[in-house]
Amino acid sequence: MKSLIEYSRAIHAEMDAIVALSRLTSESTVGTTLYATTYPCHNCARHIVAAGIVKVVYIEPYEKSLALKLHSDAISDSYESDKVKFMPFEGVSPTMFERFFKSNGNRKDSNGRTIQTRVNDLHHIDSQFLDSYHEYEAKITQIVENKFQS
């Protein structure tokens, strides 16, 4: 029985953040934003809602999460909702920081002089999508479904 996670002492980072805040400070979770590395699972989502958190910002998607399906009455992935907002992080994530900001070539020639570069000669380090993860996934799903139907 102890091999089941529900019966162990292990908790997810979201739950640890909520519990640690109440244990270590006199601050409230009501009206706050929770930052997470991954989209919350459905179990964490219900605790986030119960804690009064109004927004969750996550870096990586979690395809197995049933949070939006099970708790659609309380959470949303849209800014235009009065529900708890689960939104993807926009910016440079910690795992991409070095890749974006380290030098990607020689900065000096063999004589130690700075190599001049032009912005037009540089390339994108990583492609960025304008759609959210869920919107992009829905578009790809539609393309695949259309191919199988024709």
N, C-alpha and C. Protein backbone atom coordinates (compact mmCIF):
# COMPACT_ATOMS: atom_id res chain seq x y z
N MET A 1 0.81 -1.19 0.00
CA MET A 1 0.00 0.00 0.00
C MET A 1 0.86 1.26 0.00
N LYS A 2 2.01 1.24 0.70
CA LYS A 2 2.87 2.41 0.77
C LYS A 2 3.52 2.74 -0.56
N SER A 3 3.47 1.83 -1.52
CA SER A 3 4.06 2.10 -2.83
C SER A 3 3.20 3.07 -3.65
N LEU A 4 1.94 3.24 -3.26
CA LEU A 4 1.08 4.21 -3.94
C LEU A 4 1.40 5.61 -3.43
N ILE A 5 1.58 6.55 -4.36
CA ILE A 5 1.98 7.91 -3.98
C ILE A 5 0.98 8.59 -3.05
N GLU A 6 -0.30 8.25 -3.17
CA GLU A 6 -1.31 8.86 -2.30
C GLU A 6 -1.06 8.56 -0.84
N TYR A 7 -0.39 7.46 -0.56
CA TYR A 7 -0.18 7.05 0.81
C TYR A 7 1.25 7.31 1.31
N SER A 8 2.06 7.91 0.47
CA SER A 8 3.44 8.22 0.88
C SER A 8 3.51 9.65 1.39
N ARG A 9 4.66 10.05 1.89
CA ARG A 9 4.85 11.42 2.35
C ARG A 9 5.25 12.36 1.24
N ALA A 10 5.56 11.82 0.08
CA ALA A 10 6.00 12.65 -1.04
C ALA A 10 4.88 13.59 -1.49
N ILE A 11 5.26 14.84 -1.78
CA ILE A 11 4.29 15.80 -2.30
C ILE A 11 4.89 16.52 -3.49
N HIS A 12 4.04 17.06 -4.34
CA HIS A 12 4.50 17.81 -5.51
C HIS A 12 4.96 19.21 -5.07
N ALA A 13 5.74 19.84 -5.92
CA ALA A 13 6.31 21.16 -5.61
C ALA A 13 5.22 22.20 -5.34
N GLU A 14 4.11 22.13 -6.07
CA GLU A 14 3.03 23.10 -5.86
C GLU A 14 2.47 22.99 -4.45
N MET A 15 2.25 21.76 -4.01
CA MET A 15 1.73 21.54 -2.66
C MET A 15 2.76 21.98 -1.62
N ASP A 16 4.03 21.70 -1.88
CA ASP A 16 5.07 22.12 -0.95
C ASP A 16 5.11 23.64 -0.82
N ALA A 17 4.94 24.35 -1.94
CA ALA A 17 4.94 25.81 -1.91
C ALA A 17 3.78 26.34 -1.06
N ILE A 18 2.61 25.76 -1.24
CA ILE A 18 1.42 26.19 -0.48
C ILE A 18 1.61 25.91 1.01
N VAL A 19 2.05 24.71 1.33
CA VAL A 19 2.23 24.32 2.73
C VAL A 19 3.37 25.10 3.38
N ALA A 20 4.48 25.28 2.66
CA ALA A 20 5.62 26.02 3.22
C ALA A 20 5.25 27.47 3.52
N LEU A 21 4.45 28.07 2.66
CA LEU A 21 4.03 29.46 2.89
C LEU A 21 3.24 29.56 4.19
N SER A 22 2.34 28.62 4.41
CA SER A 22 1.54 28.66 5.64
C SER A 22 2.36 28.27 6.86
N ARG A 23 3.36 27.42 6.68
CA ARG A 23 4.17 26.96 7.80
C ARG A 23 5.24 27.98 8.21
N LEU A 24 5.81 28.68 7.22
CA LEU A 24 6.97 29.52 7.50
C LEU A 24 6.69 31.01 7.58
N THR A 25 5.50 31.44 7.15
CA THR A 25 5.19 32.87 7.18
C THR A 25 3.77 33.09 7.67
N SER A 26 3.42 34.33 7.82
CA SER A 26 2.04 34.65 8.17
C SER A 26 1.29 35.15 6.93
N GLU A 27 1.89 34.97 5.76
CA GLU A 27 1.27 35.41 4.50
C GLU A 27 0.17 34.45 4.07
N SER A 28 -0.72 34.96 3.24
CA SER A 28 -1.83 34.15 2.72
C SER A 28 -1.59 33.82 1.25
N THR A 29 -2.15 32.73 0.80
CA THR A 29 -2.07 32.38 -0.62
C THR A 29 -3.18 33.04 -1.43
N VAL A 30 -4.15 33.61 -0.78
CA VAL A 30 -5.30 34.22 -1.46
C VAL A 30 -4.85 35.39 -2.33
N GLY A 31 -5.24 35.32 -3.61
CA GLY A 31 -4.94 36.38 -4.55
C GLY A 31 -3.52 36.37 -5.10
N THR A 32 -2.77 35.29 -4.88
CA THR A 32 -1.37 35.25 -5.30
C THR A 32 -1.19 34.52 -6.63
N THR A 33 0.04 34.58 -7.15
CA THR A 33 0.44 33.85 -8.35
C THR A 33 1.44 32.78 -7.94
N LEU A 34 1.25 31.57 -8.45
CA LEU A 34 2.17 30.46 -8.20
C LEU A 34 2.97 30.23 -9.47
N TYR A 35 4.29 30.15 -9.35
CA TYR A 35 5.17 29.88 -10.49
C TYR A 35 5.65 28.44 -10.37
N ALA A 36 5.48 27.68 -11.46
CA ALA A 36 5.84 26.26 -11.44
C ALA A 36 6.65 25.91 -12.68
N THR A 37 7.49 24.92 -12.55
CA THR A 37 8.26 24.49 -13.72
C THR A 37 7.38 23.73 -14.70
N THR A 38 6.36 23.05 -14.21
CA THR A 38 5.51 22.21 -15.05
C THR A 38 4.04 22.52 -14.79
N TYR A 39 3.21 22.36 -15.83
CA TYR A 39 1.76 22.53 -15.69
C TYR A 39 1.29 21.60 -14.57
N PRO A 40 0.49 22.12 -13.64
CA PRO A 40 0.07 21.30 -12.49
C PRO A 40 -0.79 20.09 -12.87
N CYS A 41 -0.63 19.04 -12.10
CA CYS A 41 -1.49 17.86 -12.26
C CYS A 41 -2.87 18.19 -11.69
N HIS A 42 -3.83 17.31 -11.91
CA HIS A 42 -5.19 17.58 -11.45
C HIS A 42 -5.28 17.63 -9.92
N ASN A 43 -4.46 16.86 -9.23
CA ASN A 43 -4.48 16.87 -7.78
C ASN A 43 -3.97 18.20 -7.24
N CYS A 44 -2.86 18.70 -7.80
CA CYS A 44 -2.33 19.98 -7.37
C CYS A 44 -3.29 21.11 -7.74
N ALA A 45 -3.95 20.98 -8.89
CA ALA A 45 -4.89 22.02 -9.34
C ALA A 45 -6.00 22.24 -8.32
N ARG A 46 -6.51 21.17 -7.76
CA ARG A 46 -7.61 21.34 -6.79
C ARG A 46 -7.12 22.04 -5.53
N HIS A 47 -5.87 21.78 -5.11
CA HIS A 47 -5.31 22.46 -3.95
C HIS A 47 -5.02 23.93 -4.26
N ILE A 48 -4.60 24.20 -5.48
CA ILE A 48 -4.34 25.58 -5.90
C ILE A 48 -5.63 26.39 -5.84
N VAL A 49 -6.71 25.81 -6.35
CA VAL A 49 -8.03 26.48 -6.31
C VAL A 49 -8.45 26.69 -4.86
N ALA A 50 -8.33 25.66 -4.05
CA ALA A 50 -8.75 25.75 -2.64
C ALA A 50 -7.92 26.78 -1.86
N ALA A 51 -6.67 26.98 -2.27
CA ALA A 51 -5.79 27.92 -1.57
C ALA A 51 -6.08 29.38 -1.94
N GLY A 52 -6.92 29.59 -2.95
CA GLY A 52 -7.26 30.96 -3.34
C GLY A 52 -6.25 31.60 -4.28
N ILE A 53 -5.37 30.81 -4.84
CA ILE A 53 -4.39 31.31 -5.81
C ILE A 53 -5.15 31.70 -7.07
N VAL A 54 -4.81 32.85 -7.67
CA VAL A 54 -5.57 33.34 -8.82
C VAL A 54 -4.89 33.09 -10.16
N LYS A 55 -3.59 32.77 -10.13
CA LYS A 55 -2.87 32.56 -11.40
C LYS A 55 -1.71 31.60 -11.18
N VAL A 56 -1.51 30.71 -12.15
CA VAL A 56 -0.38 29.80 -12.16
C VAL A 56 0.39 30.03 -13.46
N VAL A 57 1.69 30.26 -13.34
CA VAL A 57 2.55 30.42 -14.51
C VAL A 57 3.48 29.22 -14.54
N TYR A 58 3.45 28.47 -15.64
CA TYR A 58 4.27 27.26 -15.75
C TYR A 58 5.20 27.36 -16.95
N ILE A 59 6.32 26.65 -16.89
CA ILE A 59 7.30 26.69 -17.98
C ILE A 59 7.04 25.56 -18.98
N GLU A 60 6.91 24.35 -18.50
CA GLU A 60 6.76 23.19 -19.37
C GLU A 60 5.33 22.64 -19.31
N PRO A 61 4.81 22.17 -20.44
CA PRO A 61 3.49 21.53 -20.42
C PRO A 61 3.57 20.17 -19.74
N TYR A 62 2.44 19.66 -19.33
CA TYR A 62 2.34 18.31 -18.76
C TYR A 62 1.14 17.65 -19.41
N GLU A 63 1.41 16.90 -20.46
CA GLU A 63 0.35 16.34 -21.29
C GLU A 63 -0.62 15.43 -20.54
N LYS A 64 -0.16 14.79 -19.48
CA LYS A 64 -1.01 13.85 -18.75
C LYS A 64 -1.96 14.54 -17.77
N SER A 65 -1.79 15.83 -17.55
CA SER A 65 -2.62 16.52 -16.57
C SER A 65 -4.08 16.54 -17.02
N LEU A 66 -4.95 16.20 -16.11
CA LEU A 66 -6.39 16.26 -16.35
C LEU A 66 -7.00 17.48 -15.66
N ALA A 67 -6.15 18.40 -15.23
CA ALA A 67 -6.60 19.54 -14.45
C ALA A 67 -7.70 20.33 -15.15
N LEU A 68 -7.48 20.72 -16.38
CA LEU A 68 -8.47 21.54 -17.09
C LEU A 68 -9.75 20.77 -17.34
N LYS A 69 -9.62 19.49 -17.63
CA LYS A 69 -10.79 18.65 -17.89
C LYS A 69 -11.62 18.42 -16.61
N LEU A 70 -10.94 18.13 -15.52
CA LEU A 70 -11.64 17.82 -14.27
C LEU A 70 -12.10 19.05 -13.49
N HIS A 71 -11.40 20.17 -13.68
CA HIS A 71 -11.69 21.35 -12.88
C HIS A 71 -12.02 22.56 -13.76
N SER A 72 -12.66 22.32 -14.90
CA SER A 72 -12.97 23.42 -15.82
C SER A 72 -13.92 24.45 -15.22
N ASP A 73 -14.61 24.08 -14.17
CA ASP A 73 -15.48 25.02 -13.48
C ASP A 73 -14.69 26.05 -12.68
N ALA A 74 -13.41 25.75 -12.39
CA ALA A 74 -12.63 26.61 -11.52
C ALA A 74 -11.33 27.12 -12.13
N ILE A 75 -10.82 26.45 -13.19
CA ILE A 75 -9.57 26.90 -13.80
C ILE A 75 -9.76 27.13 -15.29
N SER A 76 -8.86 27.94 -15.85
CA SER A 76 -8.95 28.30 -17.26
C SER A 76 -7.54 28.54 -17.80
N ASP A 77 -7.37 28.40 -19.11
CA ASP A 77 -6.10 28.74 -19.74
C ASP A 77 -6.25 30.02 -20.56
N SER A 78 -7.17 30.88 -20.13
CA SER A 78 -7.46 32.13 -20.82
C SER A 78 -7.40 33.30 -19.85
N TYR A 79 -6.86 34.42 -20.32
CA TYR A 79 -6.83 35.63 -19.49
C TYR A 79 -8.23 36.23 -19.33
N GLU A 80 -9.14 35.89 -20.23
CA GLU A 80 -10.47 36.49 -20.23
C GLU A 80 -11.45 35.75 -19.32
N SER A 81 -10.98 35.14 -18.31
CA SER A 81 -11.83 34.35 -17.43
C SER A 81 -11.71 34.85 -16.00
N ASP A 82 -12.74 34.63 -15.22
CA ASP A 82 -12.69 34.98 -13.80
C ASP A 82 -12.26 33.77 -12.96
N LYS A 83 -11.84 32.70 -13.64
CA LYS A 83 -11.38 31.49 -12.96
C LYS A 83 -9.87 31.61 -12.68
N VAL A 84 -9.31 30.62 -12.00
CA VAL A 84 -7.86 30.57 -11.79
C VAL A 84 -7.21 30.37 -13.15
N LYS A 85 -6.26 31.23 -13.47
CA LYS A 85 -5.63 31.20 -14.80
C LYS A 85 -4.36 30.36 -14.77
N PHE A 86 -4.28 29.38 -15.65
CA PHE A 86 -3.08 28.56 -15.82
C PHE A 86 -2.45 29.03 -17.14
N MET A 87 -1.34 29.77 -17.06
CA MET A 87 -0.77 30.39 -18.23
C MET A 87 0.68 29.94 -18.44
N PRO A 88 1.08 29.75 -19.71
CA PRO A 88 2.47 29.40 -19.97
C PRO A 88 3.39 30.59 -19.74
N PHE A 89 4.58 30.32 -19.27
CA PHE A 89 5.60 31.35 -19.05
C PHE A 89 6.02 31.92 -20.40
N GLU A 90 6.16 33.21 -20.46
CA GLU A 90 6.64 33.87 -21.68
C GLU A 90 7.95 34.55 -21.35
N GLY A 91 9.00 34.11 -21.98
CA GLY A 91 10.32 34.67 -21.71
C GLY A 91 11.37 33.59 -21.82
N VAL A 92 12.52 33.84 -21.24
CA VAL A 92 13.64 32.90 -21.30
C VAL A 92 13.61 32.04 -20.04
N SER A 93 13.34 30.75 -20.22
CA SER A 93 13.30 29.84 -19.08
C SER A 93 14.72 29.56 -18.59
N PRO A 94 14.86 29.14 -17.35
CA PRO A 94 16.20 28.87 -16.81
C PRO A 94 16.98 27.85 -17.64
N THR A 95 16.30 26.86 -18.21
CA THR A 95 17.01 25.85 -19.00
C THR A 95 17.50 26.40 -20.33
N MET A 96 16.94 27.51 -20.79
CA MET A 96 17.34 28.09 -22.07
C MET A 96 18.24 29.32 -21.91
N PHE A 97 18.41 29.82 -20.69
CA PHE A 97 19.13 31.07 -20.46
C PHE A 97 20.53 31.04 -21.06
N GLU A 98 21.30 30.01 -20.73
CA GLU A 98 22.67 29.94 -21.23
C GLU A 98 22.70 29.85 -22.75
N ARG A 99 21.80 29.05 -23.30
CA ARG A 99 21.75 28.89 -24.75
C ARG A 99 21.49 30.22 -25.46
N PHE A 100 20.65 31.04 -24.89
CA PHE A 100 20.32 32.34 -25.49
C PHE A 100 21.43 33.36 -25.34
N PHE A 101 22.14 33.35 -24.22
CA PHE A 101 23.05 34.44 -23.93
C PHE A 101 24.54 34.12 -24.01
N LYS A 102 24.89 32.85 -24.22
CA LYS A 102 26.32 32.57 -24.37
C LYS A 102 26.76 32.90 -25.80
N SER A 103 28.04 33.09 -25.96
CA SER A 103 28.59 33.39 -27.29
C SER A 103 28.49 32.14 -28.16
N ASN A 104 28.00 32.31 -29.37
CA ASN A 104 27.82 31.16 -30.26
C ASN A 104 28.84 31.14 -31.38
N GLY A 105 29.96 31.74 -31.19
CA GLY A 105 31.00 31.77 -32.21
C GLY A 105 32.20 32.52 -31.68
N ASN A 106 33.19 32.67 -32.52
CA ASN A 106 34.37 33.41 -32.11
C ASN A 106 34.05 34.89 -32.01
N ARG A 107 34.50 35.49 -30.93
CA ARG A 107 34.29 36.92 -30.75
C ARG A 107 35.53 37.71 -31.11
N LYS A 108 36.68 37.02 -31.19
CA LYS A 108 37.93 37.68 -31.55
C LYS A 108 38.65 36.87 -32.62
N ASP A 109 39.43 37.55 -33.45
CA ASP A 109 40.21 36.85 -34.47
C ASP A 109 41.53 36.35 -33.87
N SER A 110 42.38 35.76 -34.69
CA SER A 110 43.63 35.17 -34.20
C SER A 110 44.60 36.21 -33.63
N ASN A 111 44.40 37.49 -33.97
CA ASN A 111 45.24 38.57 -33.44
C ASN A 111 44.64 39.21 -32.18
N GLY A 112 43.51 38.69 -31.73
CA GLY A 112 42.89 39.22 -30.53
C GLY A 112 41.98 40.42 -30.77
N ARG A 113 41.71 40.72 -32.03
CA ARG A 113 40.82 41.84 -32.35
C ARG A 113 39.37 41.36 -32.40
N THR A 114 38.48 42.25 -31.99
CA THR A 114 37.05 41.94 -32.00
C THR A 114 36.56 41.71 -33.42
N ILE A 115 35.81 40.64 -33.60
CA ILE A 115 35.20 40.35 -34.90
C ILE A 115 33.88 41.11 -34.97
N GLN A 116 33.75 41.96 -35.96
CA GLN A 116 32.52 42.74 -36.12
C GLN A 116 31.43 41.84 -36.72
N THR A 117 30.24 41.90 -36.15
CA THR A 117 29.11 41.14 -36.69
C THR A 117 27.99 42.09 -37.03
N ARG A 118 27.17 41.68 -37.97
CA ARG A 118 26.00 42.46 -38.33
C ARG A 118 24.77 41.67 -37.92
N VAL A 119 23.76 42.35 -37.43
CA VAL A 119 22.53 41.69 -36.99
C VAL A 119 21.95 40.86 -38.13
N ASN A 120 22.04 41.33 -39.35
CA ASN A 120 21.48 40.59 -40.50
C ASN A 120 22.18 39.26 -40.74
N ASP A 121 23.40 39.11 -40.24
CA ASP A 121 24.15 37.87 -40.43
C ASP A 121 23.89 36.83 -39.33
N LEU A 122 23.18 37.23 -38.28
CA LEU A 122 22.92 36.34 -37.16
C LEU A 122 21.69 35.49 -37.41
N HIS A 123 21.58 34.37 -36.70
CA HIS A 123 20.46 33.45 -36.87
C HIS A 123 19.70 33.31 -35.56
N HIS A 124 18.44 32.88 -35.66
CA HIS A 124 17.65 32.63 -34.47
C HIS A 124 18.25 31.47 -33.69
N ILE A 125 18.26 31.60 -32.39
CA ILE A 125 18.78 30.54 -31.54
C ILE A 125 17.72 29.47 -31.35
N ASP A 126 16.48 29.89 -31.19
CA ASP A 126 15.39 28.95 -30.94
C ASP A 126 14.11 29.55 -31.52
N SER A 127 13.32 28.71 -32.18
CA SER A 127 12.06 29.21 -32.72
C SER A 127 11.06 29.41 -31.60
N GLN A 128 10.29 30.46 -31.69
CA GLN A 128 9.27 30.76 -30.70
C GLN A 128 7.92 30.81 -31.39
N PHE A 129 6.93 30.16 -30.80
CA PHE A 129 5.60 30.14 -31.37
C PHE A 129 4.76 31.24 -30.74
N LEU A 130 3.95 31.89 -31.54
CA LEU A 130 3.09 32.95 -31.03
C LEU A 130 1.89 32.37 -30.30
N ASP A 131 1.50 31.15 -30.67
CA ASP A 131 0.37 30.50 -30.02
C ASP A 131 0.82 29.89 -28.69
N SER A 132 -0.11 29.72 -27.78
CA SER A 132 0.21 29.00 -26.55
C SER A 132 0.40 27.53 -26.90
N TYR A 133 0.95 26.78 -25.96
CA TYR A 133 1.17 25.36 -26.19
C TYR A 133 -0.12 24.65 -26.59
N HIS A 134 -1.22 24.96 -25.88
CA HIS A 134 -2.49 24.29 -26.15
C HIS A 134 -3.05 24.68 -27.52
N GLU A 135 -2.93 25.95 -27.91
CA GLU A 135 -3.40 26.39 -29.22
C GLU A 135 -2.59 25.73 -30.34
N TYR A 136 -1.28 25.67 -30.15
CA TYR A 136 -0.40 25.05 -31.14
C TYR A 136 -0.72 23.56 -31.28
N GLU A 137 -0.91 22.90 -30.14
CA GLU A 137 -1.24 21.47 -30.16
C GLU A 137 -2.58 21.23 -30.86
N ALA A 138 -3.57 22.08 -30.62
CA ALA A 138 -4.88 21.94 -31.27
C ALA A 138 -4.77 22.11 -32.78
N LYS A 139 -3.96 23.05 -33.23
CA LYS A 139 -3.77 23.25 -34.67
C LYS A 139 -3.10 22.04 -35.33
N ILE A 140 -2.08 21.50 -34.67
CA ILE A 140 -1.39 20.32 -35.20
C ILE A 140 -2.34 19.13 -35.23
N THR A 141 -3.14 18.96 -34.19
CA THR A 141 -4.12 17.87 -34.14
C THR A 141 -5.10 18.00 -35.30
N GLN A 142 -5.56 19.21 -35.59
CA GLN A 142 -6.50 19.44 -36.68
C GLN A 142 -5.87 19.10 -38.02
N ILE A 143 -4.61 19.45 -38.21
CA ILE A 143 -3.90 19.13 -39.46
C ILE A 143 -3.82 17.62 -39.65
N VAL A 144 -3.46 16.91 -38.58
CA VAL A 144 -3.34 15.45 -38.65
C VAL A 144 -4.70 14.81 -38.92
N GLU A 145 -5.74 15.27 -38.23
CA GLU A 145 -7.09 14.73 -38.45
C GLU A 145 -7.54 14.96 -39.89
N ASN A 146 -7.26 16.13 -40.42
CA ASN A 146 -7.63 16.43 -41.81
C ASN A 146 -6.93 15.51 -42.80
N LYS A 147 -5.68 15.16 -42.52
CA LYS A 147 -4.92 14.28 -43.42
C LYS A 147 -5.52 12.87 -43.41
N PHE A 148 -5.97 12.42 -42.23
CA PHE A 148 -6.55 11.07 -42.15
C PHE A 148 -7.95 11.00 -42.73
N GLN A 149 -8.67 12.11 -42.72
CA GLN A 149 -10.02 12.14 -43.25
C GLN A 149 -10.05 12.20 -44.77
N SER A 150 -9.00 12.71 -45.41
CA SER A 150 -9.01 12.85 -46.86
C SER A 150 -8.39 11.67 -47.57
